[in-house]
Amino acid sequence: MSELNRRNFFRLSGLGLAAMVGRSALAVPAFDQSVPVKSVSGSVGIASYSLRKFDVDQVITIMEKLHLQKISLKSMHLPLDADKETINTVLSKMHDHGLDPSSAGVIYMKSEDEVDNAFRYAQLAGFKIIVGVPDYSLLDYVEKRVKETDITLAIHNHGPDGMPYPSPFMAYDMVSERDNRMGLCLDVGHTVRAGFNPVDVIAKVGDRIFETHMRDVSSASKAGRSCRPGEGVIDLPAVMKALQKVGYTGSYTIEYEEESDDPLAALAQTAGYLQGILAGL
């Protein structure tokens, strides 16, 4: 990163954070507004699992405080068995407040009935992406439903925790010869916890990355925990540069698992940091 881009990155990171936590909370130094900023693809969003202890109205309030629109909905905010009326009520409320519920997940699928319900749910809600974890034996059936509905499946890798798809390479190998609407939700934190360099992973599987879960982690091991950006081991600017290089245009979705009782400050810091990276690329 050149010195100009480095200064620009930190300037924009500070501005993004200041805008989200309030002008009185952080003093921002003067800067040269003539410095050009390159336009890049994608936007920062939130996985609503990060806000799992809050109800829908509280989630909307937090999203408004963060000045973010993209949100990937987890079932505690829109139940998987919800009927059309309930789905319309929740999504209309979000739309009225400027939110864009862009995907749903993570959704686990252990039977054909659960696959059918996941796609029913996505169709009723108008989601174009399901962030999912189907059992390996169901991939043929999932592919059939993808073709029938034109809904993208992004398989979430879960790292070294004994869950399906511990490696993004495993997920990629299982879908790379299937319908091109089957791919990955690359969880950057779990990728590092599993011992992989996400920049190398992106270079190899980038053609099938449809969603990302972004955060820093405290160590490149199973013991690694979510932490605020810059406090862990992940080079997030390098990760996002690699994603841009492979043409990724999706959301940079923050999934932050710690500080769940009061996550606003951590989410604001992370969102500002990611927005600064995007603007500084």
Protein backbone atom coordinates (compact mmCIF):
# COMPACT_ATOMS: atom_id res chain seq x y z
CA MET A 1 0.00 0.00 0.00
CA SER A 2 1.46 3.38 -1.02
CA GLU A 3 1.88 6.13 1.56
CA LEU A 4 -0.90 8.15 -0.08
CA ASN A 5 -3.29 5.19 0.00
CA ARG A 6 -2.30 4.41 3.58
CA ARG A 7 -3.13 7.96 4.69
CA ASN A 8 -6.34 7.84 2.70
CA PHE A 9 -7.32 4.50 4.28
CA PHE A 10 -6.88 5.69 7.84
CA ARG A 11 -8.61 8.98 7.05
CA LEU A 12 -11.64 7.21 5.62
CA SER A 13 -11.72 4.60 8.37
CA GLY A 14 -11.89 7.38 10.93
CA LEU A 15 -14.61 9.15 9.04
CA GLY A 16 -16.70 6.00 8.72
CA LEU A 17 -16.46 5.29 12.44
CA ALA A 18 -17.13 8.90 13.37
CA ALA A 19 -20.24 9.03 11.22
CA MET A 20 -21.65 5.90 12.87
CA VAL A 21 -20.97 6.64 16.53
CA GLY A 22 -21.84 10.32 16.34
CA ARG A 23 -19.94 13.54 15.67
CA SER A 24 -19.55 14.40 19.34
CA ALA A 25 -17.97 11.05 20.16
CA LEU A 26 -14.89 11.34 17.99
CA ALA A 27 -12.94 14.33 16.76
CA VAL A 28 -11.81 13.94 13.15
CA PRO A 29 -8.83 15.96 11.94
CA ALA A 30 -9.04 18.11 8.85
CA PHE A 31 -8.11 16.42 5.58
CA ASP A 32 -7.56 17.29 1.95
CA GLN A 33 -10.88 16.68 0.18
CA SER A 34 -9.13 16.80 -3.19
CA VAL A 35 -7.58 13.34 -2.65
CA PRO A 36 -9.34 11.07 -5.16
CA VAL A 37 -11.09 7.92 -3.94
CA LYS A 38 -11.41 4.98 -6.29
CA SER A 39 -14.89 3.48 -6.69
CA VAL A 40 -15.00 -0.20 -5.72
CA SER A 41 -17.66 -2.90 -5.67
CA GLY A 42 -19.65 -4.12 -2.67
CA SER A 43 -21.01 -2.67 0.53
CA VAL A 44 -20.73 -3.41 4.24
CA GLY A 45 -23.59 -5.19 5.96
CA ILE A 46 -24.46 -7.06 9.15
CA ALA A 47 -25.36 -10.69 9.79
CA SER A 48 -28.28 -10.40 12.16
CA TYR A 49 -26.82 -13.28 14.21
CA SER A 50 -24.50 -10.57 15.56
CA LEU A 51 -27.66 -9.02 17.06
CA ARG A 52 -29.23 -12.27 18.24
CA LYS A 53 -30.15 -10.89 21.67
CA PHE A 54 -32.23 -8.07 20.18
CA ASP A 55 -35.71 -8.09 18.69
CA VAL A 56 -36.54 -6.83 15.20
CA ASP A 57 -37.33 -3.27 16.30
CA GLN A 58 -34.05 -3.06 18.21
CA VAL A 59 -32.16 -4.49 15.23
CA ILE A 60 -33.63 -1.76 13.01
CA THR A 61 -32.59 0.91 15.52
CA ILE A 62 -29.05 -0.44 15.67
CA MET A 63 -28.79 -0.63 11.89
CA GLU A 64 -29.93 2.98 11.65
CA LYS A 65 -27.31 4.03 14.20
CA LEU A 66 -24.68 2.23 12.12
CA HIS A 67 -25.95 3.83 8.89
CA LEU A 68 -25.95 0.40 7.25
CA GLN A 69 -28.61 -1.05 4.97
CA LYS A 70 -27.54 -4.57 4.05
CA ILE A 71 -28.59 -7.24 6.53
CA SER A 72 -28.47 -11.04 6.33
CA LEU A 73 -31.32 -12.38 8.44
CA LYS A 74 -31.03 -15.21 10.93
CA SER A 75 -34.08 -17.18 12.03
CA MET A 76 -34.48 -15.45 15.42
CA HIS A 77 -35.43 -12.33 13.47
CA LEU A 78 -37.45 -14.06 10.76
CA PRO A 79 -38.44 -17.60 11.76
CA LEU A 80 -37.91 -20.36 9.21
CA ASP A 81 -41.50 -21.52 9.66
CA ALA A 82 -42.95 -18.02 9.23
CA ASP A 83 -45.99 -17.67 7.01
CA LYS A 84 -46.30 -15.15 4.20
CA GLU A 85 -48.09 -12.59 6.39
CA THR A 86 -45.39 -12.68 9.07
CA ILE A 87 -42.62 -12.46 6.48
CA ASN A 88 -44.30 -9.50 4.80
CA THR A 89 -44.77 -7.71 8.13
CA VAL A 90 -41.13 -8.06 9.17
CA LEU A 91 -39.66 -7.23 5.79
CA SER A 92 -42.00 -4.29 5.21
CA LYS A 93 -40.92 -2.80 8.53
CA MET A 94 -37.28 -3.18 7.53
CA HIS A 95 -37.85 -1.73 4.07
CA ASP A 96 -39.69 1.23 5.58
CA HIS A 97 -36.53 2.03 7.54
CA GLY A 98 -34.27 1.73 4.52
CA LEU A 99 -32.89 -1.72 5.25
CA ASP A 100 -32.08 -4.24 2.53
CA PRO A 101 -32.52 -7.85 3.78
CA SER A 102 -30.22 -9.30 1.14
CA SER A 103 -29.86 -12.92 2.23
CA ALA A 104 -30.86 -15.42 4.90
CA GLY A 105 -28.77 -17.69 7.06
CA VAL A 106 -27.04 -19.58 8.29
CA ILE A 107 -29.69 -22.24 7.54
CA TYR A 108 -28.89 -25.87 8.35
CA MET A 109 -30.46 -28.61 6.21
CA LYS A 110 -30.44 -32.22 7.39
CA SER A 111 -33.34 -33.61 5.33
CA GLU A 112 -35.14 -32.99 2.05
CA ASP A 113 -38.00 -31.45 4.00
CA GLU A 114 -35.61 -28.93 5.55
CA VAL A 115 -34.19 -28.14 2.12
CA ASP A 116 -37.70 -27.59 0.77
CA ASN A 117 -38.56 -25.34 3.71
CA ALA A 118 -35.40 -23.27 3.28
CA PHE A 119 -36.21 -22.60 -0.37
CA ARG A 120 -39.90 -21.95 0.41
CA TYR A 121 -38.81 -19.42 3.01
CA ALA A 122 -36.39 -17.71 0.62
CA GLN A 123 -38.98 -17.58 -2.14
CA LEU A 124 -41.64 -16.04 0.11
CA ALA A 125 -39.17 -13.46 1.39
CA GLY A 126 -37.61 -12.74 -1.99
CA PHE A 127 -34.09 -13.65 -0.85
CA LYS A 128 -31.71 -14.29 -3.72
CA ILE A 129 -29.09 -15.99 -1.53
CA ILE A 130 -29.39 -18.71 1.09
CA VAL A 131 -26.33 -18.95 3.32
CA GLY A 132 -26.66 -22.61 4.10
CA VAL A 133 -25.13 -25.78 5.47
CA PRO A 134 -26.79 -28.75 3.75
CA ASP A 135 -25.68 -32.25 4.68
CA TYR A 136 -23.32 -33.66 2.08
CA SER A 137 -25.83 -36.32 1.05
CA LEU A 138 -28.37 -33.63 0.13
CA LEU A 139 -26.31 -31.73 -2.42
CA ASP A 140 -27.97 -33.40 -5.41
CA TYR A 141 -31.38 -32.41 -4.05
CA VAL A 142 -30.20 -28.90 -3.20
CA GLU A 143 -28.92 -28.49 -6.76
CA LYS A 144 -32.34 -29.51 -8.06
CA ARG A 145 -33.99 -26.83 -5.90
CA VAL A 146 -31.45 -24.21 -6.95
CA LYS A 147 -32.31 -24.89 -10.60
CA GLU A 148 -36.05 -24.79 -9.92
CA THR A 149 -36.01 -21.53 -7.95
CA ASP A 150 -33.01 -19.59 -9.31
CA ILE A 151 -31.93 -19.01 -5.69
CA THR A 152 -28.20 -19.08 -4.98
CA LEU A 153 -26.80 -21.34 -2.27
CA ALA A 154 -23.70 -20.04 -0.47
CA ILE A 155 -22.23 -22.78 1.74
CA HIS A 156 -20.81 -21.46 5.00
CA ASN A 157 -17.48 -22.91 6.15
CA HIS A 158 -17.26 -23.45 9.90
CA GLY A 159 -13.60 -24.01 10.71
CA PRO A 160 -12.20 -26.57 13.16
CA ASP A 161 -15.31 -26.93 15.33
CA GLY A 162 -16.53 -30.33 14.23
CA MET A 163 -19.26 -28.99 11.94
CA PRO A 164 -19.85 -29.70 8.24
CA TYR A 165 -17.57 -27.94 5.75
CA PRO A 166 -14.64 -27.12 8.08
CA SER A 167 -12.64 -25.91 5.08
CA PRO A 168 -13.71 -23.58 2.27
CA PHE A 169 -11.83 -25.92 -0.08
CA MET A 170 -14.10 -28.80 0.96
CA ALA A 171 -17.19 -26.75 0.14
CA TYR A 172 -15.68 -25.62 -3.14
CA ASP A 173 -14.74 -29.14 -4.19
CA MET A 174 -18.31 -30.30 -3.58
CA VAL A 175 -19.93 -27.59 -5.71
CA SER A 176 -17.37 -26.57 -8.33
CA GLU A 177 -18.76 -29.03 -10.90
CA ARG A 178 -22.37 -28.27 -10.01
CA ASP A 179 -24.75 -25.49 -11.04
CA ASN A 180 -22.92 -22.16 -11.00
CA ARG A 181 -25.42 -20.78 -8.49
CA MET A 182 -23.93 -23.10 -5.86
CA GLY A 183 -20.89 -21.67 -4.09
CA LEU A 184 -19.54 -20.30 -0.83
CA CYS A 185 -20.19 -17.86 1.93
CA LEU A 186 -16.54 -17.41 2.85
CA ASP A 187 -16.28 -16.96 6.61
CA VAL A 188 -12.91 -15.25 6.88
CA GLY A 189 -12.58 -15.81 10.63
CA HIS A 190 -13.27 -19.54 10.46
CA THR A 191 -10.96 -19.85 7.47
CA VAL A 192 -8.06 -18.47 9.51
CA ARG A 193 -9.02 -20.54 12.56
CA ALA A 194 -8.79 -23.63 10.32
CA GLY A 195 -5.21 -22.73 9.41
CA PHE A 196 -5.71 -21.27 5.93
CA ASN A 197 -4.59 -17.93 4.53
CA PRO A 198 -7.81 -16.34 3.22
CA VAL A 199 -5.94 -14.45 0.50
CA ASP A 200 -4.70 -17.76 -0.93
CA VAL A 201 -8.17 -19.28 -0.55
CA ILE A 202 -9.82 -16.41 -2.40
CA ALA A 203 -7.38 -16.73 -5.29
CA LYS A 204 -8.34 -20.40 -5.71
CA VAL A 205 -12.11 -20.38 -5.07
CA GLY A 206 -13.03 -16.79 -5.90
CA ASP A 207 -15.26 -17.70 -8.82
CA ARG A 208 -17.74 -19.29 -6.38
CA ILE A 209 -17.75 -16.77 -3.51
CA PHE A 210 -21.23 -15.25 -3.31
CA GLU A 211 -21.25 -13.95 0.28
CA THR A 212 -18.65 -13.22 2.95
CA HIS A 213 -18.65 -13.14 6.73
CA MET A 214 -16.06 -10.65 7.91
CA ARG A 215 -14.31 -10.22 11.25
CA ASP A 216 -10.90 -10.38 12.86
CA VAL A 217 -9.96 -13.27 15.15
CA SER A 218 -7.60 -13.44 18.09
CA SER A 219 -5.48 -16.35 16.81
CA ALA A 220 -5.07 -18.65 13.82
CA SER A 221 -6.23 -21.68 15.79
CA LYS A 222 -9.37 -23.35 17.07
CA ALA A 223 -9.09 -21.16 20.17
CA GLY A 224 -9.37 -17.99 18.07
CA ARG A 225 -12.29 -15.74 18.98
CA SER A 226 -13.95 -12.82 17.23
CA CYS A 227 -12.26 -9.55 18.04
CA ARG A 228 -12.30 -5.98 16.85
CA PRO A 229 -10.36 -5.24 13.65
CA GLY A 230 -6.68 -4.68 14.17
CA GLU A 231 -6.70 -6.52 17.50
CA GLY A 232 -6.33 -9.95 15.89
CA VAL A 233 -4.29 -11.76 13.27
CA ILE A 234 -6.21 -11.19 10.01
CA ASP A 235 -4.95 -8.74 7.39
CA LEU A 236 -8.42 -7.50 6.43
CA PRO A 237 -7.18 -4.97 3.85
CA ALA A 238 -5.35 -7.80 2.03
CA VAL A 239 -8.47 -9.99 2.21
CA MET A 240 -10.72 -7.32 0.72
CA LYS A 241 -8.17 -6.45 -1.95
CA ALA A 242 -8.07 -10.15 -2.91
CA LEU A 243 -11.87 -10.24 -3.12
CA GLN A 244 -11.90 -7.18 -5.36
CA LYS A 245 -9.24 -8.80 -7.56
CA VAL A 246 -11.46 -11.84 -8.25
CA GLY A 247 -14.43 -9.59 -9.05
CA TYR A 248 -16.43 -10.05 -5.87
CA THR A 249 -19.43 -7.69 -5.85
CA GLY A 250 -21.39 -9.00 -2.86
CA SER A 251 -21.76 -7.69 0.65
CA TYR A 252 -18.95 -7.60 3.19
CA THR A 253 -21.15 -8.94 5.97
CA ILE A 254 -19.98 -8.51 9.54
CA GLU A 255 -20.60 -11.54 11.74
CA TYR A 256 -19.30 -10.62 15.18
CA GLU A 257 -19.94 -13.16 17.92
CA GLU A 258 -18.53 -11.46 21.02
CA GLU A 259 -19.97 -8.62 23.18
CA SER A 260 -23.43 -9.89 22.30
CA ASP A 261 -25.18 -7.97 25.09
CA ASP A 262 -23.86 -4.62 23.86
CA PRO A 263 -22.31 -5.00 20.39
CA LEU A 264 -22.88 -1.49 19.00
CA ALA A 265 -19.40 -0.07 19.59
CA ALA A 266 -17.66 -3.16 18.20
CA LEU A 267 -19.93 -3.26 15.16
CA ALA A 268 -19.41 0.47 14.54
CA GLN A 269 -15.65 0.06 14.76
CA THR A 270 -15.69 -2.94 12.43
CA ALA A 271 -18.03 -1.30 9.91
CA GLY A 272 -16.00 1.90 9.86
CA TYR A 273 -12.80 -0.09 9.40
CA LEU A 274 -14.21 -2.13 6.50
CA GLN A 275 -15.70 0.94 4.83
CA GLY A 276 -12.34 2.67 5.12
CA ILE A 277 -10.65 -0.29 3.46
CA LEU A 278 -13.16 -0.27 0.59
CA ALA A 279 -12.76 3.45 0.03
CA GLY A 280 -8.98 3.23 0.22
CA LEU A 281 -8.52 0.35 -2.24
